[in-house]
Structures are given as structure tokens and as C-alpha cells.
Amino acid sequence: LKDDLEFIRNSDMTIAIIDLKSLSILQAIRTIAYIRQNEPDLLNKIKFVFNGIDNENGKTVELVQSKLGIEPFGVIDRDNEAVEKITEMGELFTDKSLLIDSQIYKIAEKVIKELF
């Protein structure tokens, strides 16, 4: 976590993808609580994207938001290969094909507006 915090400290913005299929809400709650307590200024640099929102199975945006105590920067309502690529590469857009997905594209637009 120390390396991650140092990376965030040195960045203009960090996109944190909370994948509800692979990362439990409890892990995210602990991580966010740790940052909130020990590095509260860094929370302003982190933009949280919820991946795997599933309204039919109770994983609503409102529920996840209330459990984590954060507002999402973006929401992806289905499992998505593009998000897996983002997570693996550690970068948002290195492949133009990722822009095809409208939800990913909307997140990219928000990133560009925030940074420029």
C-alpha cells in the first residue's frame, strides 16, 4: 500500500477501479478508511469507478456508495473486458478499441475535463 500511496501522491489523478466481482466491499472499505485516516488529502486525487454494478442482484450504486462512503466518478454496470485490460495495464487508454464501450468513453471524457 505504501508504494500505491506514493504513486497517488505523485500523480495528478488516479483512477481506482473497484471491481465488485473480484474485490470485496470489505477490502475496499478498509483501504478507503486507511487512506481517509492516514492520508486524507490523497482522497481528492482518487477517482473511484465501480465495476460490476448489478441491480438485479442487489449491487446497486447507492448500496456500494453508502458502504464505501464515496461518490463514484464512473459506473460500469456489467463485467467488461475493457476494464480487465485497464486493470492489467494500469493505464486507462492505450488501446483505441477500449473507447468503443460507451461507459468507458464517458469516464475518459470526465478524466480529460478534470485534467485539462
PDB file of N, CA and C in Angstrom:
ATOM      1  N   LEU A   1       0.825  -1.202   0.000  1.00  0.00           N
ATOM      2  CA  LEU A   1       0.000   0.000   0.000  1.00  0.00           C
ATOM      3  C   LEU A   1       0.866   1.261   0.000  1.00  0.00           C
ATOM      4  N   LYS A   2       2.044   1.202   0.632  1.00  0.00           N
ATOM      5  CA  LYS A   2       2.912   2.381   0.676  1.00  0.00           C
ATOM      6  C   LYS A   2       3.329   2.811  -0.728  1.00  0.00           C
ATOM      7  N   ASP A   3       3.655   1.843  -1.589  1.00  0.00           N
ATOM      8  CA  ASP A   3       4.021   2.175  -2.971  1.00  0.00           C
ATOM      9  C   ASP A   3       2.842   2.801  -3.706  1.00  0.00           C
ATOM     10  N   ASP A   4       1.645   2.258  -3.480  1.00  0.00           N
ATOM     11  CA  ASP A   4       0.446   2.809  -4.108  1.00  0.00           C
ATOM     12  C   ASP A   4       0.200   4.245  -3.649  1.00  0.00           C
ATOM     13  N   LEU A   5       0.360   4.487  -2.357  1.00  0.00           N
ATOM     14  CA  LEU A   5       0.144   5.830  -1.833  1.00  0.00           C
ATOM     15  C   LEU A   5       1.167   6.814  -2.399  1.00  0.00           C
ATOM     16  N   GLU A   6       2.392   6.358  -2.553  1.00  0.00           N
ATOM     17  CA  GLU A   6       3.424   7.215  -3.136  1.00  0.00           C
ATOM     18  C   GLU A   6       3.095   7.533  -4.604  1.00  0.00           C
ATOM     19  N   PHE A   7       2.603   6.536  -5.320  1.00  0.00           N
ATOM     20  CA  PHE A   7       2.197   6.738  -6.711  1.00  0.00           C
ATOM     21  C   PHE A   7       1.079   7.780  -6.782  1.00  0.00           C
ATOM     22  N   ILE A   8       0.080   7.641  -5.912  1.00  0.00           N
ATOM     23  CA  ILE A   8      -1.046   8.578  -5.897  1.00  0.00           C
ATOM     24  C   ILE A   8      -0.544   9.985  -5.559  1.00  0.00           C
ATOM     25  N   ARG A   9       0.328  10.077  -4.590  1.00  0.00           N
ATOM     26  CA  ARG A   9       0.879  11.358  -4.163  1.00  0.00           C
ATOM     27  C   ARG A   9       1.557  12.086  -5.332  1.00  0.00           C
ATOM     28  N   ASN A  10       2.213  11.331  -6.201  1.00  0.00           N
ATOM     29  CA  ASN A  10       2.961  11.914  -7.320  1.00  0.00           C
ATOM     30  C   ASN A  10       2.147  12.061  -8.602  1.00  0.00           C
ATOM     31  N   SER A  11       0.890  11.700  -8.570  1.00  0.00           N
ATOM     32  CA  SER A  11       0.070  11.773  -9.779  1.00  0.00           C
ATOM     33  C   SER A  11      -0.855  12.991  -9.737  1.00  0.00           C
ATOM     34  N   ASP A  12      -1.357  13.354 -10.907  1.00  0.00           N
ATOM     35  CA  ASP A  12      -2.372  14.405 -10.975  1.00  0.00           C
ATOM     36  C   ASP A  12      -3.736  13.840 -10.599  1.00  0.00           C
ATOM     37  N   MET A  13      -3.971  12.606 -11.015  1.00  0.00           N
ATOM     38  CA  MET A  13      -5.240  11.933 -10.747  1.00  0.00           C
ATOM     39  C   MET A  13      -5.003  10.437 -10.826  1.00  0.00           C
ATOM     40  N   THR A  14      -5.684   9.701  -9.985  1.00  0.00           N
ATOM     41  CA  THR A  14      -5.605   8.246 -10.025  1.00  0.00           C
ATOM     42  C   THR A  14      -7.022   7.695 -10.155  1.00  0.00           C
ATOM     43  N   ILE A  15      -7.209   6.807 -11.117  1.00  0.00           N
ATOM     44  CA  ILE A  15      -8.488   6.127 -11.281  1.00  0.00           C
ATOM     45  C   ILE A  15      -8.400   4.816 -10.518  1.00  0.00           C
ATOM     46  N   ALA A  16      -9.262   4.645  -9.533  1.00  0.00           N
ATOM     47  CA  ALA A  16      -9.298   3.404  -8.758  1.00  0.00           C
ATOM     48  C   ALA A  16     -10.548   2.634  -9.162  1.00  0.00           C
ATOM     49  N   ILE A  17     -10.344   1.505  -9.800  1.00  0.00           N
ATOM     50  CA  ILE A  17     -11.471   0.687 -10.226  1.00  0.00           C
ATOM     51  C   ILE A  17     -11.782  -0.299  -9.120  1.00  0.00           C
ATOM     52  N   ILE A  18     -12.976  -0.190  -8.585  1.00  0.00           N
ATOM     53  CA  ILE A  18     -13.424  -1.122  -7.563  1.00  0.00           C
ATOM     54  C   ILE A  18     -14.262  -2.169  -8.268  1.00  0.00           C
ATOM     55  N   ASP A  19     -13.657  -3.327  -8.475  1.00  0.00           N
ATOM     56  CA  ASP A  19     -14.307  -4.406  -9.203  1.00  0.00           C
ATOM     57  C   ASP A  19     -15.088  -5.253  -8.209  1.00  0.00           C
ATOM     58  N   LEU A  20     -16.392  -5.167  -8.297  1.00  0.00           N
ATOM     59  CA  LEU A  20     -17.250  -5.855  -7.334  1.00  0.00           C
ATOM     60  C   LEU A  20     -17.260  -7.359  -7.526  1.00  0.00           C
ATOM     61  N   LYS A  21     -16.671  -7.828  -8.610  1.00  0.00           N
ATOM     62  CA  LYS A  21     -16.613  -9.268  -8.821  1.00  0.00           C
ATOM     63  C   LYS A  21     -15.346  -9.873  -8.216  1.00  0.00           C
ATOM     64  N   SER A  22     -14.259  -9.089  -8.120  1.00  0.00           N
ATOM     65  CA  SER A  22     -13.020  -9.661  -7.608  1.00  0.00           C
ATOM     66  C   SER A  22     -12.561  -9.029  -6.299  1.00  0.00           C
ATOM     67  N   LEU A  23     -13.023  -7.839  -6.003  1.00  0.00           N
ATOM     68  CA  LEU A  23     -12.622  -7.148  -4.789  1.00  0.00           C
ATOM     69  C   LEU A  23     -13.835  -7.018  -3.889  1.00  0.00           C
ATOM     70  N   SER A  24     -13.730  -7.548  -2.691  1.00  0.00           N
ATOM     71  CA  SER A  24     -14.890  -7.475  -1.814  1.00  0.00           C
ATOM     72  C   SER A  24     -15.075  -6.054  -1.302  1.00  0.00           C
ATOM     73  N   ILE A  25     -16.298  -5.747  -0.957  1.00  0.00           N
ATOM     74  CA  ILE A  25     -16.612  -4.435  -0.411  1.00  0.00           C
ATOM     75  C   ILE A  25     -15.822  -4.204   0.876  1.00  0.00           C
ATOM     76  N   LEU A  26     -15.640  -5.252   1.674  1.00  0.00           N
ATOM     77  CA  LEU A  26     -14.902  -5.098   2.927  1.00  0.00           C
ATOM     78  C   LEU A  26     -13.462  -4.654   2.693  1.00  0.00           C
ATOM     79  N   GLN A  27     -12.803  -5.215   1.676  1.00  0.00           N
ATOM     80  CA  GLN A  27     -11.434  -4.795   1.356  1.00  0.00           C
ATOM     81  C   GLN A  27     -11.409  -3.328   0.937  1.00  0.00           C
ATOM     82  N   ALA A  28     -12.361  -2.943   0.119  1.00  0.00           N
ATOM     83  CA  ALA A  28     -12.421  -1.547  -0.328  1.00  0.00           C
ATOM     84  C   ALA A  28     -12.702  -0.623   0.855  1.00  0.00           C
ATOM     85  N   ILE A  29     -13.603  -1.024   1.740  1.00  0.00           N
ATOM     86  CA  ILE A  29     -13.920  -0.213   2.920  1.00  0.00           C
ATOM     87  C   ILE A  29     -12.666  -0.010   3.759  1.00  0.00           C
ATOM     88  N   ARG A  30     -11.915  -1.079   3.993  1.00  0.00           N
ATOM     89  CA  ARG A  30     -10.688  -0.982   4.800  1.00  0.00           C
ATOM     90  C   ARG A  30      -9.659  -0.066   4.152  1.00  0.00           C
ATOM     91  N   THR A  31      -9.467  -0.218   2.847  1.00  0.00           N
ATOM     92  CA  THR A  31      -8.476   0.590   2.148  1.00  0.00           C
ATOM     93  C   THR A  31      -8.854   2.058   2.176  1.00  0.00           C
ATOM     94  N   ILE A  32     -10.105   2.365   1.881  1.00  0.00           N
ATOM     95  CA  ILE A  32     -10.566   3.750   1.876  1.00  0.00           C
ATOM     96  C   ILE A  32     -10.491   4.340   3.279  1.00  0.00           C
ATOM     97  N   ALA A  33     -10.863   3.561   4.291  1.00  0.00           N
ATOM     98  CA  ALA A  33     -10.775   4.036   5.681  1.00  0.00           C
ATOM     99  C   ALA A  33      -9.333   4.342   6.059  1.00  0.00           C
ATOM    100  N   TYR A  34      -8.407   3.495   5.632  1.00  0.00           N
ATOM    101  CA  TYR A  34      -6.988   3.712   5.920  1.00  0.00           C
ATOM    102  C   TYR A  34      -6.503   5.017   5.283  1.00  0.00           C
ATOM    103  N   ILE A  35      -6.851   5.206   4.023  1.00  0.00           N
ATOM    104  CA  ILE A  35      -6.436   6.434   3.331  1.00  0.00           C
ATOM    105  C   ILE A  35      -7.091   7.647   3.983  1.00  0.00           C
ATOM    106  N   ARG A  36      -8.379   7.540   4.291  1.00  0.00           N
ATOM    107  CA  ARG A  36      -9.106   8.648   4.911  1.00  0.00           C
ATOM    108  C   ARG A  36      -8.463   9.046   6.251  1.00  0.00           C
ATOM    109  N   GLN A  37      -8.013   8.056   7.011  1.00  0.00           N
ATOM    110  CA  GLN A  37      -7.429   8.312   8.324  1.00  0.00           C
ATOM    111  C   GLN A  37      -5.970   8.787   8.236  1.00  0.00           C
ATOM    112  N   ASN A  38      -5.186   8.170   7.357  1.00  0.00           N
ATOM    113  CA  ASN A  38      -3.754   8.433   7.328  1.00  0.00           C
ATOM    114  C   ASN A  38      -3.292   9.410   6.241  1.00  0.00           C
ATOM    115  N   GLU A  39      -4.026   9.499   5.164  1.00  0.00           N
ATOM    116  CA  GLU A  39      -3.635  10.355   4.029  1.00  0.00           C
ATOM    117  C   GLU A  39      -4.871  11.036   3.439  1.00  0.00           C
ATOM    118  N   PRO A  40      -5.621  11.783   4.242  1.00  0.00           N
ATOM    119  CA  PRO A  40      -6.909  12.317   3.769  1.00  0.00           C
ATOM    120  C   PRO A  40      -6.806  13.194   2.519  1.00  0.00           C
ATOM    121  N   ASP A  41      -5.680  13.887   2.336  1.00  0.00           N
ATOM    122  CA  ASP A  41      -5.524  14.741   1.152  1.00  0.00           C
ATOM    123  C   ASP A  41      -5.484  13.939  -0.140  1.00  0.00           C
ATOM    124  N   LEU A  42      -5.061  12.686  -0.031  1.00  0.00           N
ATOM    125  CA  LEU A  42      -4.959  11.864  -1.243  1.00  0.00           C
ATOM    126  C   LEU A  42      -6.322  11.475  -1.799  1.00  0.00           C
ATOM    127  N   LEU A  43      -7.354  11.471  -0.962  1.00  0.00           N
ATOM    128  CA  LEU A  43      -8.685  11.099  -1.459  1.00  0.00           C
ATOM    129  C   LEU A  43      -9.152  12.032  -2.566  1.00  0.00           C
ATOM    130  N   ASN A  44      -8.715  13.282  -2.539  1.00  0.00           N
ATOM    131  CA  ASN A  44      -9.099  14.227  -3.590  1.00  0.00           C
ATOM    132  C   ASN A  44      -8.488  13.877  -4.940  1.00  0.00           C
ATOM    133  N   LYS A  45      -7.396  13.127  -4.935  1.00  0.00           N
ATOM    134  CA  LYS A  45      -6.725  12.742  -6.182  1.00  0.00           C
ATOM    135  C   LYS A  45      -7.249  11.432  -6.751  1.00  0.00           C
ATOM    136  N   ILE A  46      -8.038  10.705  -5.959  1.00  0.00           N
ATOM    137  CA  ILE A  46      -8.517   9.385  -6.391  1.00  0.00           C
ATOM    138  C   ILE A  46      -9.934   9.509  -6.918  1.00  0.00           C
ATOM    139  N   LYS A  47     -10.154   8.992  -8.106  1.00  0.00           N
ATOM    140  CA  LYS A  47     -11.491   8.935  -8.704  1.00  0.00           C
ATOM    141  C   LYS A  47     -11.890   7.468  -8.743  1.00  0.00           C
ATOM    142  N   PHE A  48     -12.975   7.146  -8.076  1.00  0.00           N
ATOM    143  CA  PHE A  48     -13.401   5.752  -7.946  1.00  0.00           C
ATOM    144  C   PHE A  48     -14.408   5.385  -9.022  1.00  0.00           C
ATOM    145  N   VAL A  49     -14.144   4.268  -9.682  1.00  0.00           N
ATOM    146  CA  VAL A  49     -15.047   3.733 -10.692  1.00  0.00           C
ATOM    147  C   VAL A  49     -15.549   2.387 -10.168  1.00  0.00           C
ATOM    148  N   PHE A  50     -16.864   2.250 -10.111  1.00  0.00           N
ATOM    149  CA  PHE A  50     -17.471   0.986  -9.676  1.00  0.00           C
ATOM    150  C   PHE A  50     -17.683   0.103 -10.893  1.00  0.00           C
ATOM    151  N   ASN A  51     -17.086  -1.078 -10.889  1.00  0.00           N
ATOM    152  CA  ASN A  51     -17.275  -2.037 -11.980  1.00  0.00           C
ATOM    153  C   ASN A  51     -18.064  -3.229 -11.457  1.00  0.00           C
ATOM    154  N   GLY A  52     -19.030  -3.669 -12.224  1.00  0.00           N
ATOM    155  CA  GLY A  52     -19.800  -4.850 -11.856  1.00  0.00           C
ATOM    156  C   GLY A  52     -21.065  -4.530 -11.095  1.00  0.00           C
ATOM    157  N   ILE A  53     -21.551  -3.286 -11.224  1.00  0.00           N
ATOM    158  CA  ILE A  53     -22.826  -2.943 -10.598  1.00  0.00           C
ATOM    159  C   ILE A  53     -23.887  -3.869 -11.187  1.00  0.00           C
ATOM    160  N   ASP A  54     -24.661  -4.472 -10.318  1.00  0.00           N
ATOM    161  CA  ASP A  54     -25.644  -5.462 -10.748  1.00  0.00           C
ATOM    162  C   ASP A  54     -26.936  -5.225  -9.971  1.00  0.00           C
ATOM    163  N   ASN A  55     -27.789  -4.370 -10.524  1.00  0.00           N
ATOM    164  CA  ASN A  55     -29.033  -4.001  -9.838  1.00  0.00           C
ATOM    165  C   ASN A  55     -29.931  -5.198  -9.555  1.00  0.00           C
ATOM    166  N   GLU A  56     -29.902  -6.187 -10.445  1.00  0.00           N
ATOM    167  CA  GLU A  56     -30.777  -7.351 -10.276  1.00  0.00           C
ATOM    168  C   GLU A  56     -30.371  -8.202  -9.081  1.00  0.00           C
ATOM    169  N   ASN A  57     -29.077  -8.180  -8.733  1.00  0.00           N
ATOM    170  CA  ASN A  57     -28.597  -8.995  -7.619  1.00  0.00           C
ATOM    171  C   ASN A  57     -28.210  -8.161  -6.398  1.00  0.00           C
ATOM    172  N   GLY A  58     -28.746  -6.948  -6.312  1.00  0.00           N
ATOM    173  CA  GLY A  58     -28.580  -6.143  -5.111  1.00  0.00           C
ATOM    174  C   GLY A  58     -27.334  -5.289  -5.031  1.00  0.00           C
ATOM    175  N   LYS A  59     -26.469  -5.325  -6.048  1.00  0.00           N
ATOM    176  CA  LYS A  59     -25.262  -4.492  -6.022  1.00  0.00           C
ATOM    177  C   LYS A  59     -25.566  -3.169  -6.729  1.00  0.00           C
ATOM    178  N   THR A  60     -26.370  -2.346  -6.080  1.00  0.00           N
ATOM    179  CA  THR A  60     -26.757  -1.071  -6.667  1.00  0.00           C
ATOM    180  C   THR A  60     -25.693  -0.022  -6.381  1.00  0.00           C
ATOM    181  N   VAL A  61     -25.686   1.024  -7.182  1.00  0.00           N
ATOM    182  CA  VAL A  61     -24.744   2.125  -6.980  1.00  0.00           C
ATOM    183  C   VAL A  61     -24.938   2.711  -5.586  1.00  0.00           C
ATOM    184  N   GLU A  62     -26.200   2.911  -5.190  1.00  0.00           N
ATOM    185  CA  GLU A  62     -26.495   3.523  -3.900  1.00  0.00           C
ATOM    186  C   GLU A  62     -25.976   2.677  -2.741  1.00  0.00           C
ATOM    187  N   LEU A  63     -26.130   1.358  -2.839  1.00  0.00           N
ATOM    188  CA  LEU A  63     -25.655   0.470  -1.775  1.00  0.00           C
ATOM    189  C   LEU A  63     -24.129   0.521  -1.672  1.00  0.00           C
ATOM    190  N   VAL A  64     -23.458   0.397  -2.804  1.00  0.00           N
ATOM    191  CA  VAL A  64     -21.994   0.415  -2.800  1.00  0.00           C
ATOM    192  C   VAL A  64     -21.492   1.776  -2.312  1.00  0.00           C
ATOM    193  N   GLN A  65     -22.118   2.829  -2.777  1.00  0.00           N
ATOM    194  CA  GLN A  65     -21.729   4.179  -2.378  1.00  0.00           C
ATOM    195  C   GLN A  65     -21.893   4.361  -0.874  1.00  0.00           C
ATOM    196  N   SER A  66     -22.988   3.894  -0.309  1.00  0.00           N
ATOM    197  CA  SER A  66     -23.208   4.058   1.132  1.00  0.00           C
ATOM    198  C   SER A  66     -22.239   3.208   1.949  1.00  0.00           C
ATOM    199  N   LYS A  67     -21.924   2.011   1.481  1.00  0.00           N
ATOM    200  CA  LYS A  67     -20.987   1.140   2.196  1.00  0.00           C
ATOM    201  C   LYS A  67     -19.573   1.722   2.193  1.00  0.00           C
ATOM    202  N   LEU A  68     -19.174   2.314   1.067  1.00  0.00           N
ATOM    203  CA  LEU A  68     -17.813   2.834   0.929  1.00  0.00           C
ATOM    204  C   LEU A  68     -17.674   4.274   1.413  1.00  0.00           C
ATOM    205  N   GLY A  69     -18.780   4.993   1.462  1.00  0.00           N
ATOM    206  CA  GLY A  69     -18.718   6.389   1.866  1.00  0.00           C
ATOM    207  C   GLY A  69     -18.054   7.286   0.839  1.00  0.00           C
ATOM    208  N   ILE A  70     -18.149   6.908  -0.419  1.00  0.00           N
ATOM    209  CA  ILE A  70     -17.566   7.695  -1.503  1.00  0.00           C
ATOM    210  C   ILE A  70     -18.565   7.799  -2.647  1.00  0.00           C
ATOM    211  N   GLU A  71     -18.423   8.860  -3.415  1.00  0.00           N
ATOM    212  CA  GLU A  71     -19.250   9.014  -4.600  1.00  0.00           C
ATOM    213  C   GLU A  71     -18.472   8.505  -5.804  1.00  0.00           C
ATOM    214  N   PRO A  72     -19.109   7.730  -6.671  1.00  0.00           N
ATOM    215  CA  PRO A  72     -18.368   7.209  -7.824  1.00  0.00           C
ATOM    216  C   PRO A  72     -18.092   8.286  -8.866  1.00  0.00           C
ATOM    217  N   PHE A  73     -16.931   8.197  -9.456  1.00  0.00           N
ATOM    218  CA  PHE A  73     -16.563   9.041 -10.591  1.00  0.00           C
ATOM    219  C   PHE A  73     -17.199   8.481 -11.854  1.00  0.00           C
ATOM    220  N   GLY A  74     -17.332   7.160 -11.875  1.00  0.00           N
ATOM    221  CA  GLY A  74     -17.942   6.478 -13.010  1.00  0.00           C
ATOM    222  C   GLY A  74     -18.494   5.139 -12.563  1.00  0.00           C
ATOM    223  N   VAL A  75     -19.410   4.606 -13.344  1.00  0.00           N
ATOM    224  CA  VAL A  75     -20.053   3.331 -13.029  1.00  0.00           C
ATOM    225  C   VAL A  75     -20.093   2.483 -14.288  1.00  0.00           C
ATOM    226  N   ILE A  76     -19.727   1.227 -14.138  1.00  0.00           N
ATOM    227  CA  ILE A  76     -19.817   0.267 -15.237  1.00  0.00           C
ATOM    228  C   ILE A  76     -20.738  -0.833 -14.753  1.00  0.00           C
ATOM    229  N   ASP A  77     -21.827  -1.022 -15.449  1.00  0.00           N
ATOM    230  CA  ASP A  77     -22.871  -1.891 -14.920  1.00  0.00           C
ATOM    231  C   ASP A  77     -22.814  -3.328 -15.418  1.00  0.00           C
ATOM    232  N   ARG A  78     -21.689  -3.696 -15.973  1.00  0.00           N
ATOM    233  CA  ARG A  78     -21.568  -5.088 -16.411  1.00  0.00           C
ATOM    234  C   ARG A  78     -20.091  -5.459 -16.402  1.00  0.00           C
ATOM    235  N   ASP A  79     -19.820  -6.743 -16.321  1.00  0.00           N
ATOM    236  CA  ASP A  79     -18.434  -7.182 -16.400  1.00  0.00           C
ATOM    237  C   ASP A  79     -17.936  -6.820 -17.789  1.00  0.00           C
ATOM    238  N   ASN A  80     -16.729  -6.387 -17.875  1.00  0.00           N
ATOM    239  CA  ASN A  80     -16.301  -5.748 -19.096  1.00  0.00           C
ATOM    240  C   ASN A  80     -14.836  -6.069 -19.385  1.00  0.00           C
ATOM    241  N   GLU A  81     -14.564  -6.625 -20.551  1.00  0.00           N
ATOM    242  CA  GLU A  81     -13.186  -6.964 -20.924  1.00  0.00           C
ATOM    243  C   GLU A  81     -12.289  -5.734 -20.937  1.00  0.00           C
ATOM    244  N   ALA A  82     -12.838  -4.599 -21.319  1.00  0.00           N
ATOM    245  CA  ALA A  82     -12.040  -3.375 -21.362  1.00  0.00           C
ATOM    246  C   ALA A  82     -11.530  -3.024 -19.977  1.00  0.00           C
ATOM    247  N   VAL A  83     -12.361  -3.221 -18.964  1.00  0.00           N
ATOM    248  CA  VAL A  83     -11.948  -2.909 -17.598  1.00  0.00           C
ATOM    249  C   VAL A  83     -10.852  -3.861 -17.159  1.00  0.00           C
ATOM    250  N   GLU A  84     -10.947  -5.121 -17.559  1.00  0.00           N
ATOM    251  CA  GLU A  84      -9.878  -6.068 -17.233  1.00  0.00           C
ATOM    252  C   GLU A  84      -8.573  -5.608 -17.864  1.00  0.00           C
ATOM    253  N   LYS A  85      -8.610  -5.121 -19.098  1.00  0.00           N
ATOM    254  CA  LYS A  85      -7.406  -4.629 -19.764  1.00  0.00           C
ATOM    255  C   LYS A  85      -6.854  -3.412 -19.032  1.00  0.00           C
ATOM    256  N   ILE A  86      -7.732  -2.510 -18.624  1.00  0.00           N
ATOM    257  CA  ILE A  86      -7.297  -1.322 -17.894  1.00  0.00           C
ATOM    258  C   ILE A  86      -6.570  -1.744 -16.635  1.00  0.00           C
ATOM    259  N   THR A  87      -7.147  -2.657 -15.895  1.00  0.00           N
ATOM    260  CA  THR A  87      -6.570  -3.111 -14.636  1.00  0.00           C
ATOM    261  C   THR A  87      -5.219  -3.774 -14.868  1.00  0.00           C
ATOM    262  N   GLU A  88      -5.109  -4.603 -15.900  1.00  0.00           N
ATOM    263  CA  GLU A  88      -3.851  -5.287 -16.197  1.00  0.00           C
ATOM    264  C   GLU A  88      -2.765  -4.308 -16.618  1.00  0.00           C
ATOM    265  N   MET A  89      -3.124  -3.327 -17.441  1.00  0.00           N
ATOM    266  CA  MET A  89      -2.135  -2.410 -17.981  1.00  0.00           C
ATOM    267  C   MET A  89      -1.802  -1.284 -17.015  1.00  0.00           C
ATOM    268  N   GLY A  90      -2.724  -1.016 -16.100  1.00  0.00           N
ATOM    269  CA  GLY A  90      -2.516   0.089 -15.191  1.00  0.00           C
ATOM    270  C   GLY A  90      -2.687   1.441 -15.861  1.00  0.00           C
ATOM    271  N   GLU A  91      -3.249   1.453 -17.043  1.00  0.00           N
ATOM    272  CA  GLU A  91      -3.470   2.692 -17.769  1.00  0.00           C
ATOM    273  C   GLU A  91      -4.903   2.691 -18.278  1.00  0.00           C
ATOM    274  N   LEU A  92      -5.443   3.883 -18.448  1.00  0.00           N
ATOM    275  CA  LEU A  92      -6.829   3.950 -18.900  1.00  0.00           C
ATOM    276  C   LEU A  92      -6.972   3.622 -20.381  1.00  0.00           C
ATOM    277  N   PHE A  93      -6.215   4.290 -21.232  1.00  0.00           N
ATOM    278  CA  PHE A  93      -6.457   4.118 -22.657  1.00  0.00           C
ATOM    279  C   PHE A  93      -5.157   4.012 -23.433  1.00  0.00           C
ATOM    280  N   THR A  94      -4.729   2.800 -23.670  1.00  0.00           N
ATOM    281  CA  THR A  94      -3.575   2.611 -24.542  1.00  0.00           C
ATOM    282  C   THR A  94      -4.025   1.920 -25.819  1.00  0.00           C
ATOM    283  N   ASP A  95      -5.267   1.524 -25.859  1.00  0.00           N
ATOM    284  CA  ASP A  95      -5.791   0.784 -26.998  1.00  0.00           C
ATOM    285  C   ASP A  95      -7.085   1.464 -27.439  1.00  0.00           C
ATOM    286  N   LYS A  96      -7.127   1.947 -28.685  1.00  0.00           N
ATOM    287  CA  LYS A  96      -8.307   2.673 -29.152  1.00  0.00           C
ATOM    288  C   LYS A  96      -9.573   1.842 -29.060  1.00  0.00           C
ATOM    289  N   SER A  97      -9.443   0.527 -29.105  1.00  0.00           N
ATOM    290  CA  SER A  97     -10.647  -0.314 -29.058  1.00  0.00           C
ATOM    291  C   SER A  97     -11.381  -0.169 -27.726  1.00  0.00           C
ATOM    292  N   LEU A  98     -10.680   0.263 -26.675  1.00  0.00           N
ATOM    293  CA  LEU A  98     -11.351   0.435 -25.391  1.00  0.00           C
ATOM    294  C   LEU A  98     -12.364   1.564 -25.436  1.00  0.00           C
ATOM    295  N   LEU A  99     -12.173   2.493 -26.361  1.00  0.00           N
ATOM    296  CA  LEU A  99     -13.070   3.642 -26.438  1.00  0.00           C
ATOM    297  C   LEU A  99     -14.425   3.290 -27.034  1.00  0.00           C
ATOM    298  N   ILE A 100     -14.537   2.103 -27.594  1.00  0.00           N
ATOM    299  CA  ILE A 100     -15.802   1.688 -28.202  1.00  0.00           C
ATOM    300  C   ILE A 100     -16.894   1.571 -27.146  1.00  0.00           C
ATOM    301  N   ASP A 101     -16.536   1.129 -25.963  1.00  0.00           N
ATOM    302  CA  ASP A 101     -17.520   0.954 -24.910  1.00  0.00           C
ATOM    303  C   ASP A 101     -17.974   2.326 -24.405  1.00  0.00           C
ATOM    304  N   SER A 102     -19.263   2.593 -24.452  1.00  0.00           N
ATOM    305  CA  SER A 102     -19.761   3.930 -24.131  1.00  0.00           C
ATOM    306  C   SER A 102     -19.514   4.313 -22.682  1.00  0.00           C
ATOM    307  N   GLN A 103     -19.606   3.373 -21.757  1.00  0.00           N
ATOM    308  CA  GLN A 103     -19.376   3.709 -20.360  1.00  0.00           C
ATOM    309  C   GLN A 103     -17.912   4.070 -20.117  1.00  0.00           C
ATOM    310  N   ILE A 104     -17.003   3.336 -20.734  1.00  0.00           N
ATOM    311  CA  ILE A 104     -15.584   3.642 -20.615  1.00  0.00           C
ATOM    312  C   ILE A 104     -15.299   5.005 -21.253  1.00  0.00           C
ATOM    313  N   TYR A 105     -15.927   5.265 -22.381  1.00  0.00           N
ATOM    314  CA  TYR A 105     -15.727   6.535 -23.071  1.00  0.00           C
ATOM    315  C   TYR A 105     -16.168   7.708 -22.201  1.00  0.00           C
ATOM    316  N   LYS A 106     -17.295   7.570 -21.525  1.00  0.00           N
ATOM    317  CA  LYS A 106     -17.790   8.630 -20.642  1.00  0.00           C
ATOM    318  C   LYS A 106     -16.802   8.894 -19.508  1.00  0.00           C
ATOM    319  N   ILE A 107     -16.204   7.850 -18.986  1.00  0.00           N
ATOM    320  CA  ILE A 107     -15.206   8.019 -17.929  1.00  0.00           C
ATOM    321  C   ILE A 107     -13.988   8.753 -18.487  1.00  0.00           C
ATOM    322  N   ALA A 108     -13.585   8.401 -19.698  1.00  0.00           N
ATOM    323  CA  ALA A 108     -12.443   9.070 -20.332  1.00  0.00           C
ATOM    324  C   ALA A 108     -12.725  10.559 -20.516  1.00  0.00           C
ATOM    325  N   GLU A 109     -13.932  10.883 -20.938  1.00  0.00           N
ATOM    326  CA  GLU A 109     -14.305  12.291 -21.100  1.00  0.00           C
ATOM    327  C   GLU A 109     -14.191  13.041 -19.780  1.00  0.00           C
ATOM    328  N   LYS A 110     -14.657  12.423 -18.704  1.00  0.00           N
ATOM    329  CA  LYS A 110     -14.588  13.068 -17.391  1.00  0.00           C
ATOM    330  C   LYS A 110     -13.136  13.263 -16.958  1.00  0.00           C
ATOM    331  N   VAL A 111     -12.286  12.286 -17.242  1.00  0.00           N
ATOM    332  CA  VAL A 111     -10.863  12.411 -16.896  1.00  0.00           C
ATOM    333  C   VAL A 111     -10.255  13.594 -17.632  1.00  0.00           C
ATOM    334  N   ILE A 112     -10.537  13.683 -18.927  1.00  0.00           N
ATOM    335  CA  ILE A 112      -9.982  14.771 -19.739  1.00  0.00           C
ATOM    336  C   ILE A 112     -10.467  16.128 -19.221  1.00  0.00           C
ATOM    337  N   LYS A 113     -11.741  16.235 -18.903  1.00  0.00           N
ATOM    338  CA  LYS A 113     -12.286  17.513 -18.397  1.00  0.00           C
ATOM    339  C   LYS A 113     -11.641  17.881 -17.065  1.00  0.00           C
ATOM    340  N   GLU A 114     -11.421  16.894 -16.197  1.00  0.00           N
ATOM    341  CA  GLU A 114     -10.814  17.176 -14.893  1.00  0.00           C
ATOM    342  C   GLU A 114      -9.368  17.635 -15.025  1.00  0.00           C
ATOM    343  N   LEU A 115      -8.636  17.013 -15.945  1.00  0.00           N
ATOM    344  CA  LEU A 115      -7.205  17.306 -16.060  1.00  0.00           C
ATOM    345  C   LEU A 115      -6.902  18.529 -16.911  1.00  0.00           C
ATOM    346  N   PHE A 116      -7.786  18.812 -17.884  1.00  0.00           N
ATOM    347  CA  PHE A 116      -7.494  19.911 -18.800  1.00  0.00           C
ATOM    348  C   PHE A 116      -8.597  20.923 -18.758  1.00  0.00           C
TER     349      PHE A 116
END
